[in-house]
Amino acid sequence: MSTSIQDGNVITVQAAGTVAVDQVLQIADIIGIAQNNALVGEDVELAVMGVFGNIPRTNIAIAQGEAVYWNGTAVTASTADKFLGHSMKAYVAATTPIEVRLAQDAIQA
């Protein structure tokens, strides 16, 4: 018999390095937003669902609702990178941060 542990919108992971609050953090196939500071081996509360702003991006134009991807340092439009979610607004080509709805568990068309 299984036991519910948490709702899964925010999960607890171990920091593999120094983590700053609001940092985009990738742990294997999971990407989320750190909710606290942590040092190596400490617990990090990682938000994996929701809408977050100030996400760095590469110099690309993005349509509202477009699928976006994470290359380890910034949002891209490349399907070769890890699926992150969907852009909440349309953006012209620039490197200014964007708002993203995290949706890693969503099935992409």
PDB file of N, CA and C in Angstrom:
ATOM      1  N   MET A   1       0.844  -1.188   0.000  1.00  0.00           N
ATOM      2  CA  MET A   1       0.000   0.000   0.000  1.00  0.00           C
ATOM      3  C   MET A   1       0.881   1.241   0.000  1.00  0.00           C
ATOM      4  N   SER A   2       0.587   2.168  -0.887  1.00  0.00           N
ATOM      5  CA  SER A   2       1.392   3.386  -0.961  1.00  0.00           C
ATOM      6  C   SER A   2       0.881   4.440   0.014  1.00  0.00           C
ATOM      7  N   THR A   3       1.770   5.374   0.356  1.00  0.00           N
ATOM      8  CA  THR A   3       1.448   6.452   1.270  1.00  0.00           C
ATOM      9  C   THR A   3       1.799   7.773   0.606  1.00  0.00           C
ATOM     10  N   SER A   4       0.883   8.707   0.587  1.00  0.00           N
ATOM     11  CA  SER A   4       1.147  10.027   0.022  1.00  0.00           C
ATOM     12  C   SER A   4       2.181  10.749   0.886  1.00  0.00           C
ATOM     13  N   ILE A   5       3.183  11.324   0.230  1.00  0.00           N
ATOM     14  CA  ILE A   5       4.240  12.032   0.939  1.00  0.00           C
ATOM     15  C   ILE A   5       4.046  13.544   0.836  1.00  0.00           C
ATOM     16  N   GLN A   6       3.724  14.021  -0.366  1.00  0.00           N
ATOM     17  CA  GLN A   6       3.507  15.442  -0.590  1.00  0.00           C
ATOM     18  C   GLN A   6       2.751  15.623  -1.899  1.00  0.00           C
ATOM     19  N   ASP A   7       2.249  16.857  -2.158  1.00  0.00           N
ATOM     20  CA  ASP A   7       1.468  17.080  -3.378  1.00  0.00           C
ATOM     21  C   ASP A   7       2.332  17.122  -4.631  1.00  0.00           C
ATOM     22  N   GLY A   8       3.620  17.356  -4.485  1.00  0.00           N
ATOM     23  CA  GLY A   8       4.523  17.316  -5.624  1.00  0.00           C
ATOM     24  C   GLY A   8       4.756  18.637  -6.320  1.00  0.00           C
ATOM     25  N   ASN A   9       4.081  19.712  -5.915  1.00  0.00           N
ATOM     26  CA  ASN A   9       4.337  21.021  -6.518  1.00  0.00           C
ATOM     27  C   ASN A   9       5.683  21.578  -6.072  1.00  0.00           C
ATOM     28  N   VAL A  10       6.053  21.248  -4.847  1.00  0.00           N
ATOM     29  CA  VAL A  10       7.367  21.579  -4.299  1.00  0.00           C
ATOM     30  C   VAL A  10       7.923  20.284  -3.740  1.00  0.00           C
ATOM     31  N   ILE A  11       9.133  19.940  -4.176  1.00  0.00           N
ATOM     32  CA  ILE A  11       9.748  18.697  -3.712  1.00  0.00           C
ATOM     33  C   ILE A  11      11.058  19.011  -3.004  1.00  0.00           C
ATOM     34  N   THR A  12      11.512  18.090  -2.186  1.00  0.00           N
ATOM     35  CA  THR A  12      12.768  18.253  -1.474  1.00  0.00           C
ATOM     36  C   THR A  12      13.833  17.419  -2.166  1.00  0.00           C
ATOM     37  N   VAL A  13      14.948  18.082  -2.534  1.00  0.00           N
ATOM     38  CA  VAL A  13      16.081  17.400  -3.163  1.00  0.00           C
ATOM     39  C   VAL A  13      17.349  17.802  -2.422  1.00  0.00           C
ATOM     40  N   GLN A  14      18.406  17.043  -2.645  1.00  0.00           N
ATOM     41  CA  GLN A  14      19.695  17.396  -2.050  1.00  0.00           C
ATOM     42  C   GLN A  14      20.486  18.261  -3.011  1.00  0.00           C
ATOM     43  N   ALA A  15      21.083  19.315  -2.488  1.00  0.00           N
ATOM     44  CA  ALA A  15      21.905  20.211  -3.310  1.00  0.00           C
ATOM     45  C   ALA A  15      23.199  19.514  -3.696  1.00  0.00           C
ATOM     46  N   ALA A  16      23.515  19.558  -4.999  1.00  0.00           N
ATOM     47  CA  ALA A  16      24.771  18.990  -5.490  1.00  0.00           C
ATOM     48  C   ALA A  16      25.882  20.039  -5.444  1.00  0.00           C
ATOM     49  N   GLY A  17      25.511  21.290  -5.219  1.00  0.00           N
ATOM     50  CA  GLY A  17      26.452  22.407  -5.122  1.00  0.00           C
ATOM     51  C   GLY A  17      25.783  23.514  -4.342  1.00  0.00           C
ATOM     52  N   THR A  18      26.405  24.667  -4.292  1.00  0.00           N
ATOM     53  CA  THR A  18      25.797  25.809  -3.615  1.00  0.00           C
ATOM     54  C   THR A  18      24.591  26.284  -4.419  1.00  0.00           C
ATOM     55  N   VAL A  19      23.464  26.462  -3.742  1.00  0.00           N
ATOM     56  CA  VAL A  19      22.215  26.854  -4.387  1.00  0.00           C
ATOM     57  C   VAL A  19      21.715  28.151  -3.762  1.00  0.00           C
ATOM     58  N   ALA A  20      21.272  29.082  -4.610  1.00  0.00           N
ATOM     59  CA  ALA A  20      20.689  30.341  -4.151  1.00  0.00           C
ATOM     60  C   ALA A  20      19.187  30.322  -4.379  1.00  0.00           C
ATOM     61  N   VAL A  21      18.456  30.931  -3.468  1.00  0.00           N
ATOM     62  CA  VAL A  21      17.011  31.032  -3.613  1.00  0.00           C
ATOM     63  C   VAL A  21      16.684  31.647  -4.978  1.00  0.00           C
ATOM     64  N   ASP A  22      15.653  31.158  -5.634  1.00  0.00           N
ATOM     65  CA  ASP A  22      15.179  31.584  -6.952  1.00  0.00           C
ATOM     66  C   ASP A  22      16.060  31.114  -8.104  1.00  0.00           C
ATOM     67  N   GLN A  23      17.065  30.313  -7.824  1.00  0.00           N
ATOM     68  CA  GLN A  23      17.923  29.757  -8.870  1.00  0.00           C
ATOM     69  C   GLN A  23      17.195  28.646  -9.604  1.00  0.00           C
ATOM     70  N   VAL A  24      17.329  28.625 -10.939  1.00  0.00           N
ATOM     71  CA  VAL A  24      16.813  27.492 -11.711  1.00  0.00           C
ATOM     72  C   VAL A  24      17.783  26.342 -11.465  1.00  0.00           C
ATOM     73  N   LEU A  25      17.250  25.217 -11.046  1.00  0.00           N
ATOM     74  CA  LEU A  25      18.085  24.092 -10.653  1.00  0.00           C
ATOM     75  C   LEU A  25      17.640  22.840 -11.391  1.00  0.00           C
ATOM     76  N   GLN A  26      18.598  22.154 -11.984  1.00  0.00           N
ATOM     77  CA  GLN A  26      18.298  20.898 -12.674  1.00  0.00           C
ATOM     78  C   GLN A  26      18.956  19.759 -11.921  1.00  0.00           C
ATOM     79  N   ILE A  27      18.146  18.774 -11.536  1.00  0.00           N
ATOM     80  CA  ILE A  27      18.620  17.551 -10.898  1.00  0.00           C
ATOM     81  C   ILE A  27      18.204  16.413 -11.822  1.00  0.00           C
ATOM     82  N   ALA A  28      19.146  15.893 -12.591  1.00  0.00           N
ATOM     83  CA  ALA A  28      18.854  14.855 -13.597  1.00  0.00           C
ATOM     84  C   ALA A  28      17.775  15.376 -14.545  1.00  0.00           C
ATOM     85  N   ASP A  29      16.594  14.752 -14.571  1.00  0.00           N
ATOM     86  CA  ASP A  29      15.530  15.163 -15.482  1.00  0.00           C
ATOM     87  C   ASP A  29      14.523  16.119 -14.844  1.00  0.00           C
ATOM     88  N   ILE A  30      14.761  16.535 -13.611  1.00  0.00           N
ATOM     89  CA  ILE A  30      13.848  17.446 -12.912  1.00  0.00           C
ATOM     90  C   ILE A  30      14.441  18.851 -12.933  1.00  0.00           C
ATOM     91  N   ILE A  31      13.618  19.818 -13.324  1.00  0.00           N
ATOM     92  CA  ILE A  31      14.029  21.226 -13.282  1.00  0.00           C
ATOM     93  C   ILE A  31      13.006  21.984 -12.455  1.00  0.00           C
ATOM     94  N   GLY A  32      13.497  22.849 -11.578  1.00  0.00           N
ATOM     95  CA  GLY A  32      12.594  23.655 -10.772  1.00  0.00           C
ATOM     96  C   GLY A  32      13.284  24.914 -10.289  1.00  0.00           C
ATOM     97  N   ILE A  33      12.585  25.635  -9.431  1.00  0.00           N
ATOM     98  CA  ILE A  33      13.077  26.894  -8.885  1.00  0.00           C
ATOM     99  C   ILE A  33      13.345  26.695  -7.400  1.00  0.00           C
ATOM    100  N   ALA A  34      14.599  26.947  -6.989  1.00  0.00           N
ATOM    101  CA  ALA A  34      14.983  26.781  -5.581  1.00  0.00           C
ATOM    102  C   ALA A  34      14.213  27.760  -4.706  1.00  0.00           C
ATOM    103  N   GLN A  35      13.665  27.249  -3.627  1.00  0.00           N
ATOM    104  CA  GLN A  35      12.897  28.073  -2.702  1.00  0.00           C
ATOM    105  C   GLN A  35      13.702  28.477  -1.473  1.00  0.00           C
ATOM    106  N   ASN A  36      14.937  27.989  -1.386  1.00  0.00           N
ATOM    107  CA  ASN A  36      15.809  28.342  -0.276  1.00  0.00           C
ATOM    108  C   ASN A  36      17.271  28.224  -0.700  1.00  0.00           C
ATOM    109  N   ASN A  37      18.152  28.857   0.074  1.00  0.00           N
ATOM    110  CA  ASN A  37      19.591  28.703  -0.127  1.00  0.00           C
ATOM    111  C   ASN A  37      20.025  27.378   0.456  1.00  0.00           C
ATOM    112  N   ALA A  38      21.073  26.783  -0.114  1.00  0.00           N
ATOM    113  CA  ALA A  38      21.582  25.520   0.426  1.00  0.00           C
ATOM    114  C   ALA A  38      23.037  25.328   0.003  1.00  0.00           C
ATOM    115  N   LEU A  39      23.743  24.572   0.817  1.00  0.00           N
ATOM    116  CA  LEU A  39      25.104  24.156   0.503  1.00  0.00           C
ATOM    117  C   LEU A  39      25.075  22.700   0.067  1.00  0.00           C
ATOM    118  N   VAL A  40      26.183  22.214  -0.436  1.00  0.00           N
ATOM    119  CA  VAL A  40      26.279  20.823  -0.897  1.00  0.00           C
ATOM    120  C   VAL A  40      25.738  19.875   0.170  1.00  0.00           C
ATOM    121  N   GLY A  41      24.837  18.979  -0.255  1.00  0.00           N
ATOM    122  CA  GLY A  41      24.284  17.964   0.639  1.00  0.00           C
ATOM    123  C   GLY A  41      23.097  18.411   1.464  1.00  0.00           C
ATOM    124  N   GLU A  42      22.816  19.705   1.503  1.00  0.00           N
ATOM    125  CA  GLU A  42      21.666  20.192   2.257  1.00  0.00           C
ATOM    126  C   GLU A  42      20.394  20.051   1.432  1.00  0.00           C
ATOM    127  N   ASP A  43      19.254  20.076   2.110  1.00  0.00           N
ATOM    128  CA  ASP A  43      17.969  19.987   1.430  1.00  0.00           C
ATOM    129  C   ASP A  43      17.614  21.312   0.753  1.00  0.00           C
ATOM    130  N   VAL A  44      17.063  21.185  -0.437  1.00  0.00           N
ATOM    131  CA  VAL A  44      16.548  22.331  -1.188  1.00  0.00           C
ATOM    132  C   VAL A  44      15.087  22.050  -1.485  1.00  0.00           C
ATOM    133  N   GLU A  45      14.230  23.011  -1.188  1.00  0.00           N
ATOM    134  CA  GLU A  45      12.833  22.923  -1.583  1.00  0.00           C
ATOM    135  C   GLU A  45      12.770  23.433  -3.022  1.00  0.00           C
ATOM    136  N   LEU A  46      12.334  22.571  -3.932  1.00  0.00           N
ATOM    137  CA  LEU A  46      12.366  22.864  -5.356  1.00  0.00           C
ATOM    138  C   LEU A  46      10.938  22.925  -5.896  1.00  0.00           C
ATOM    139  N   ALA A  47      10.508  24.129  -6.312  1.00  0.00           N
ATOM    140  CA  ALA A  47       9.183  24.284  -6.918  1.00  0.00           C
ATOM    141  C   ALA A  47       9.259  23.764  -8.341  1.00  0.00           C
ATOM    142  N   VAL A  48       8.429  22.781  -8.659  1.00  0.00           N
ATOM    143  CA  VAL A  48       8.437  22.179  -9.994  1.00  0.00           C
ATOM    144  C   VAL A  48       7.146  22.452 -10.763  1.00  0.00           C
ATOM    145  N   MET A  49       6.224  23.155 -10.155  1.00  0.00           N
ATOM    146  CA  MET A  49       4.977  23.566 -10.795  1.00  0.00           C
ATOM    147  C   MET A  49       4.723  25.018 -10.440  1.00  0.00           C
ATOM    148  N   GLY A  50       4.086  25.745 -11.347  1.00  0.00           N
ATOM    149  CA  GLY A  50       3.745  27.134 -11.093  1.00  0.00           C
ATOM    150  C   GLY A  50       4.305  28.042 -12.159  1.00  0.00           C
ATOM    151  N   VAL A  51       4.058  29.340 -12.010  1.00  0.00           N
ATOM    152  CA  VAL A  51       4.553  30.347 -12.942  1.00  0.00           C
ATOM    153  C   VAL A  51       5.633  31.152 -12.222  1.00  0.00           C
ATOM    154  N   PHE A  52       6.784  31.269 -12.873  1.00  0.00           N
ATOM    155  CA  PHE A  52       7.920  31.959 -12.273  1.00  0.00           C
ATOM    156  C   PHE A  52       8.484  32.975 -13.247  1.00  0.00           C
ATOM    157  N   GLY A  53       8.915  34.100 -12.727  1.00  0.00           N
ATOM    158  CA  GLY A  53       9.514  35.149 -13.531  1.00  0.00           C
ATOM    159  C   GLY A  53      11.011  35.198 -13.320  1.00  0.00           C
ATOM    160  N   ASN A  54      11.643  36.093 -14.067  1.00  0.00           N
ATOM    161  CA  ASN A  54      13.076  36.322 -13.959  1.00  0.00           C
ATOM    162  C   ASN A  54      13.908  35.100 -14.357  1.00  0.00           C
ATOM    163  N   ILE A  55      13.393  34.314 -15.301  1.00  0.00           N
ATOM    164  CA  ILE A  55      14.110  33.144 -15.806  1.00  0.00           C
ATOM    165  C   ILE A  55      15.020  33.614 -16.949  1.00  0.00           C
ATOM    166  N   PRO A  56      16.329  33.372 -16.856  1.00  0.00           N
ATOM    167  CA  PRO A  56      17.220  33.829 -17.920  1.00  0.00           C
ATOM    168  C   PRO A  56      16.950  33.107 -19.240  1.00  0.00           C
ATOM    169  N   ARG A  57      17.239  33.795 -20.351  1.00  0.00           N
ATOM    170  CA  ARG A  57      17.032  33.183 -21.666  1.00  0.00           C
ATOM    171  C   ARG A  57      18.152  33.557 -22.621  1.00  0.00           C
ATOM    172  N   THR A  58      18.275  32.762 -23.663  1.00  0.00           N
ATOM    173  CA  THR A  58      19.199  33.082 -24.740  1.00  0.00           C
ATOM    174  C   THR A  58      18.561  34.154 -25.612  1.00  0.00           C
ATOM    175  N   ASN A  59      19.279  34.676 -26.573  1.00  0.00           N
ATOM    176  CA  ASN A  59      18.794  35.766 -27.430  1.00  0.00           C
ATOM    177  C   ASN A  59      17.830  35.233 -28.483  1.00  0.00           C
ATOM    178  N   ILE A  60      16.584  34.965 -28.043  1.00  0.00           N
ATOM    179  CA  ILE A  60      15.564  34.408 -28.934  1.00  0.00           C
ATOM    180  C   ILE A  60      14.248  35.151 -28.759  1.00  0.00           C
ATOM    181  N   ALA A  61      13.443  35.154 -29.811  1.00  0.00           N
ATOM    182  CA  ALA A  61      12.061  35.630 -29.724  1.00  0.00           C
ATOM    183  C   ALA A  61      11.199  34.439 -29.324  1.00  0.00           C
ATOM    184  N   ILE A  62      10.202  34.703 -28.481  1.00  0.00           N
ATOM    185  CA  ILE A  62       9.345  33.626 -27.979  1.00  0.00           C
ATOM    186  C   ILE A  62       7.901  34.083 -28.067  1.00  0.00           C
ATOM    187  N   ALA A  63       7.034  33.225 -28.569  1.00  0.00           N
ATOM    188  CA  ALA A  63       5.604  33.530 -28.635  1.00  0.00           C
ATOM    189  C   ALA A  63       4.934  33.163 -27.308  1.00  0.00           C
ATOM    190  N   GLN A  64       3.851  33.839 -26.989  1.00  0.00           N
ATOM    191  CA  GLN A  64       3.090  33.500 -25.796  1.00  0.00           C
ATOM    192  C   GLN A  64       2.577  32.073 -25.934  1.00  0.00           C
ATOM    193  N   GLY A  65       2.776  31.285 -24.906  1.00  0.00           N
ATOM    194  CA  GLY A  65       2.322  29.899 -24.905  1.00  0.00           C
ATOM    195  C   GLY A  65       3.280  28.922 -25.555  1.00  0.00           C
ATOM    196  N   GLU A  66       4.373  29.421 -26.122  1.00  0.00           N
ATOM    197  CA  GLU A  66       5.345  28.556 -26.802  1.00  0.00           C
ATOM    198  C   GLU A  66       6.099  27.687 -25.794  1.00  0.00           C
ATOM    199  N   ALA A  67       6.357  26.443 -26.172  1.00  0.00           N
ATOM    200  CA  ALA A  67       7.174  25.552 -25.355  1.00  0.00           C
ATOM    201  C   ALA A  67       8.589  26.109 -25.294  1.00  0.00           C
ATOM    202  N   VAL A  68       9.180  26.084 -24.094  1.00  0.00           N
ATOM    203  CA  VAL A  68      10.550  26.535 -23.913  1.00  0.00           C
ATOM    204  C   VAL A  68      11.363  25.442 -23.237  1.00  0.00           C
ATOM    205  N   TYR A  69      12.663  25.527 -23.387  1.00  0.00           N
ATOM    206  CA  TYR A  69      13.573  24.466 -22.961  1.00  0.00           C
ATOM    207  C   TYR A  69      14.713  25.057 -22.144  1.00  0.00           C
ATOM    208  N   TRP A  70      15.404  24.234 -21.372  1.00  0.00           N
ATOM    209  CA  TRP A  70      16.485  24.674 -20.493  1.00  0.00           C
ATOM    210  C   TRP A  70      17.784  24.022 -20.934  1.00  0.00           C
ATOM    211  N   ASN A  71      18.820  24.844 -21.145  1.00  0.00           N
ATOM    212  CA  ASN A  71      20.114  24.312 -21.584  1.00  0.00           C
ATOM    213  C   ASN A  71      21.139  24.207 -20.458  1.00  0.00           C
ATOM    214  N   GLY A  72      20.703  24.402 -19.242  1.00  0.00           N
ATOM    215  CA  GLY A  72      21.603  24.365 -18.091  1.00  0.00           C
ATOM    216  C   GLY A  72      21.920  25.744 -17.550  1.00  0.00           C
ATOM    217  N   THR A  73      21.729  26.769 -18.384  1.00  0.00           N
ATOM    218  CA  THR A  73      21.978  28.142 -17.935  1.00  0.00           C
ATOM    219  C   THR A  73      20.889  29.121 -18.343  1.00  0.00           C
ATOM    220  N   ALA A  74      20.112  28.785 -19.380  1.00  0.00           N
ATOM    221  CA  ALA A  74      19.106  29.735 -19.875  1.00  0.00           C
ATOM    222  C   ALA A  74      18.023  29.019 -20.673  1.00  0.00           C
ATOM    223  N   VAL A  75      16.897  29.713 -20.865  1.00  0.00           N
ATOM    224  CA  VAL A  75      15.795  29.213 -21.683  1.00  0.00           C
ATOM    225  C   VAL A  75      16.195  29.291 -23.153  1.00  0.00           C
ATOM    226  N   THR A  76      15.830  28.253 -23.905  1.00  0.00           N
ATOM    227  CA  THR A  76      16.063  28.211 -25.349  1.00  0.00           C
ATOM    228  C   THR A  76      14.781  27.763 -26.034  1.00  0.00           C
ATOM    229  N   ALA A  77      14.812  27.729 -27.353  1.00  0.00           N
ATOM    230  CA  ALA A  77      13.709  27.187 -28.146  1.00  0.00           C
ATOM    231  C   ALA A  77      14.100  25.833 -28.735  1.00  0.00           C
ATOM    232  N   SER A  78      15.249  25.318 -28.344  1.00  0.00           N
ATOM    233  CA  SER A  78      15.778  24.087 -28.928  1.00  0.00           C
ATOM    234  C   SER A  78      15.189  22.844 -28.259  1.00  0.00           C
ATOM    235  N   THR A  79      14.552  22.008 -29.062  1.00  0.00           N
ATOM    236  CA  THR A  79      13.992  20.764 -28.536  1.00  0.00           C
ATOM    237  C   THR A  79      15.088  19.772 -28.136  1.00  0.00           C
ATOM    238  N   ALA A  80      16.339  20.073 -28.461  1.00  0.00           N
ATOM    239  CA  ALA A  80      17.458  19.233 -28.016  1.00  0.00           C
ATOM    240  C   ALA A  80      17.741  19.440 -26.526  1.00  0.00           C
ATOM    241  N   ASP A  81      17.254  20.562 -25.966  1.00  0.00           N
ATOM    242  CA  ASP A  81      17.435  20.841 -24.545  1.00  0.00           C
ATOM    243  C   ASP A  81      16.281  20.239 -23.740  1.00  0.00           C
ATOM    244  N   LYS A  82      16.363  20.309 -22.424  1.00  0.00           N
ATOM    245  CA  LYS A  82      15.356  19.729 -21.529  1.00  0.00           C
ATOM    246  C   LYS A  82      14.097  20.598 -21.505  1.00  0.00           C
ATOM    247  N   PHE A  83      12.935  19.992 -21.774  1.00  0.00           N
ATOM    248  CA  PHE A  83      11.663  20.716 -21.737  1.00  0.00           C
ATOM    249  C   PHE A  83      11.459  21.327 -20.359  1.00  0.00           C
ATOM    250  N   LEU A  84      11.122  22.630 -20.337  1.00  0.00           N
ATOM    251  CA  LEU A  84      10.924  23.355 -19.084  1.00  0.00           C
ATOM    252  C   LEU A  84       9.459  23.702 -18.849  1.00  0.00           C
ATOM    253  N   GLY A  85       8.789  24.223 -19.880  1.00  0.00           N
ATOM    254  CA  GLY A  85       7.400  24.650 -19.715  1.00  0.00           C
ATOM    255  C   GLY A  85       6.977  25.524 -20.876  1.00  0.00           C
ATOM    256  N   HIS A  86       6.164  26.546 -20.568  1.00  0.00           N
ATOM    257  CA  HIS A  86       5.614  27.414 -21.611  1.00  0.00           C
ATOM    258  C   HIS A  86       5.783  28.883 -21.236  1.00  0.00           C
ATOM    259  N   SER A  87       6.091  29.695 -22.233  1.00  0.00           N
ATOM    260  CA  SER A  87       6.252  31.125 -22.021  1.00  0.00           C
ATOM    261  C   SER A  87       4.892  31.749 -21.710  1.00  0.00           C
ATOM    262  N   MET A  88       4.856  32.617 -20.727  1.00  0.00           N
ATOM    263  CA  MET A  88       3.600  33.260 -20.343  1.00  0.00           C
ATOM    264  C   MET A  88       3.283  34.497 -21.176  1.00  0.00           C
ATOM    265  N   LYS A  89       4.291  35.043 -21.864  1.00  0.00           N
ATOM    266  CA  LYS A  89       4.114  36.241 -22.675  1.00  0.00           C
ATOM    267  C   LYS A  89       4.896  36.085 -23.966  1.00  0.00           C
ATOM    268  N   ALA A  90       4.649  36.978 -24.902  1.00  0.00           N
ATOM    269  CA  ALA A  90       5.458  37.039 -26.119  1.00  0.00           C
ATOM    270  C   ALA A  90       6.652  37.943 -25.839  1.00  0.00           C
ATOM    271  N   TYR A  91       7.805  37.560 -26.344  1.00  0.00           N
ATOM    272  CA  TYR A  91       9.030  38.334 -26.138  1.00  0.00           C
ATOM    273  C   TYR A  91       9.762  38.487 -27.465  1.00  0.00           C
ATOM    274  N   VAL A  92      10.294  39.686 -27.720  1.00  0.00           N
ATOM    275  CA  VAL A  92      11.144  39.900 -28.895  1.00  0.00           C
ATOM    276  C   VAL A  92      12.517  39.323 -28.587  1.00  0.00           C
ATOM    277  N   ALA A  93      13.323  39.139 -29.620  1.00  0.00           N
ATOM    278  CA  ALA A  93      14.666  38.596 -29.424  1.00  0.00           C
ATOM    279  C   ALA A  93      15.471  39.513 -28.503  1.00  0.00           C
ATOM    280  N   ALA A  94      15.934  38.959 -27.416  1.00  0.00           N
ATOM    281  CA  ALA A  94      16.741  39.676 -26.428  1.00  0.00           C
ATOM    282  C   ALA A  94      17.179  38.660 -25.388  1.00  0.00           C
ATOM    283  N   THR A  95      17.949  39.106 -24.426  1.00  0.00           N
ATOM    284  CA  THR A  95      18.378  38.198 -23.361  1.00  0.00           C
ATOM    285  C   THR A  95      17.740  38.559 -22.029  1.00  0.00           C
ATOM    286  N   THR A  96      16.709  39.415 -22.053  1.00  0.00           N
ATOM    287  CA  THR A  96      16.024  39.774 -20.811  1.00  0.00           C
ATOM    288  C   THR A  96      15.291  38.554 -20.261  1.00  0.00           C
ATOM    289  N   PRO A  97      15.175  38.460 -18.941  1.00  0.00           N
ATOM    290  CA  PRO A  97      14.484  37.315 -18.342  1.00  0.00           C
ATOM    291  C   PRO A  97      13.010  37.243 -18.740  1.00  0.00           C
ATOM    292  N   ILE A  98      12.432  36.052 -18.621  1.00  0.00           N
ATOM    293  CA  ILE A  98      11.039  35.842 -19.020  1.00  0.00           C
ATOM    294  C   ILE A  98      10.248  35.155 -17.910  1.00  0.00           C
ATOM    295  N   GLU A  99       8.930  35.081 -18.103  1.00  0.00           N
ATOM    296  CA  GLU A  99       8.038  34.337 -17.208  1.00  0.00           C
ATOM    297  C   GLU A  99       7.720  32.997 -17.856  1.00  0.00           C
ATOM    298  N   VAL A 100       7.816  31.938 -17.060  1.00  0.00           N
ATOM    299  CA  VAL A 100       7.590  30.583 -17.565  1.00  0.00           C
ATOM    300  C   VAL A 100       6.639  29.841 -16.640  1.00  0.00           C
ATOM    301  N   ARG A 101       5.700  29.113 -17.230  1.00  0.00           N
ATOM    302  CA  ARG A 101       4.859  28.175 -16.482  1.00  0.00           C
ATOM    303  C   ARG A 101       5.570  26.830 -16.545  1.00  0.00           C
ATOM    304  N   LEU A 102       6.080  26.388 -15.412  1.00  0.00           N
ATOM    305  CA  LEU A 102       6.764  25.102 -15.373  1.00  0.00           C
ATOM    306  C   LEU A 102       5.758  23.999 -15.659  1.00  0.00           C
ATOM    307  N   ALA A 103       6.100  23.093 -16.553  1.00  0.00           N
ATOM    308  CA  ALA A 103       5.178  22.030 -16.955  1.00  0.00           C
ATOM    309  C   ALA A 103       5.937  20.831 -17.460  1.00  0.00           C
ATOM    310  N   GLN A 104       6.906  20.377 -16.724  1.00  0.00           N
ATOM    311  CA  GLN A 104       7.758  19.294 -17.196  1.00  0.00           C
ATOM    312  C   GLN A 104       7.032  17.972 -17.375  1.00  0.00           C
ATOM    313  N   ASP A 105       5.951  17.780 -16.654  1.00  0.00           N
ATOM    314  CA  ASP A 105       5.231  16.521 -16.780  1.00  0.00           C
ATOM    315  C   ASP A 105       4.219  16.531 -17.915  1.00  0.00           C
ATOM    316  N   ALA A 106       4.073  17.692 -18.567  1.00  0.00           N
ATOM    317  CA  ALA A 106       3.113  17.796 -19.668  1.00  0.00           C
ATOM    318  C   ALA A 106       3.610  17.031 -20.891  1.00  0.00           C
ATOM    319  N   ILE A 107       2.686  16.486 -21.627  1.00  0.00           N
ATOM    320  CA  ILE A 107       3.018  15.805 -22.873  1.00  0.00           C
ATOM    321  C   ILE A 107       3.085  16.851 -23.973  1.00  0.00           C
ATOM    322  N   GLN A 108       4.173  16.860 -24.708  1.00  0.00           N
ATOM    323  CA  GLN A 108       4.340  17.838 -25.790  1.00  0.00           C
ATOM    324  C   GLN A 108       3.788  17.307 -27.084  1.00  0.00           C
ATOM    325  N   ALA A 109       3.186  18.220 -27.853  1.00  0.00           N
ATOM    326  CA  ALA A 109       2.683  17.848 -29.170  1.00  0.00           C
ATOM    327  C   ALA A 109       3.793  17.937 -30.185  1.00  0.00           C
TER     328      ALA A 109
END
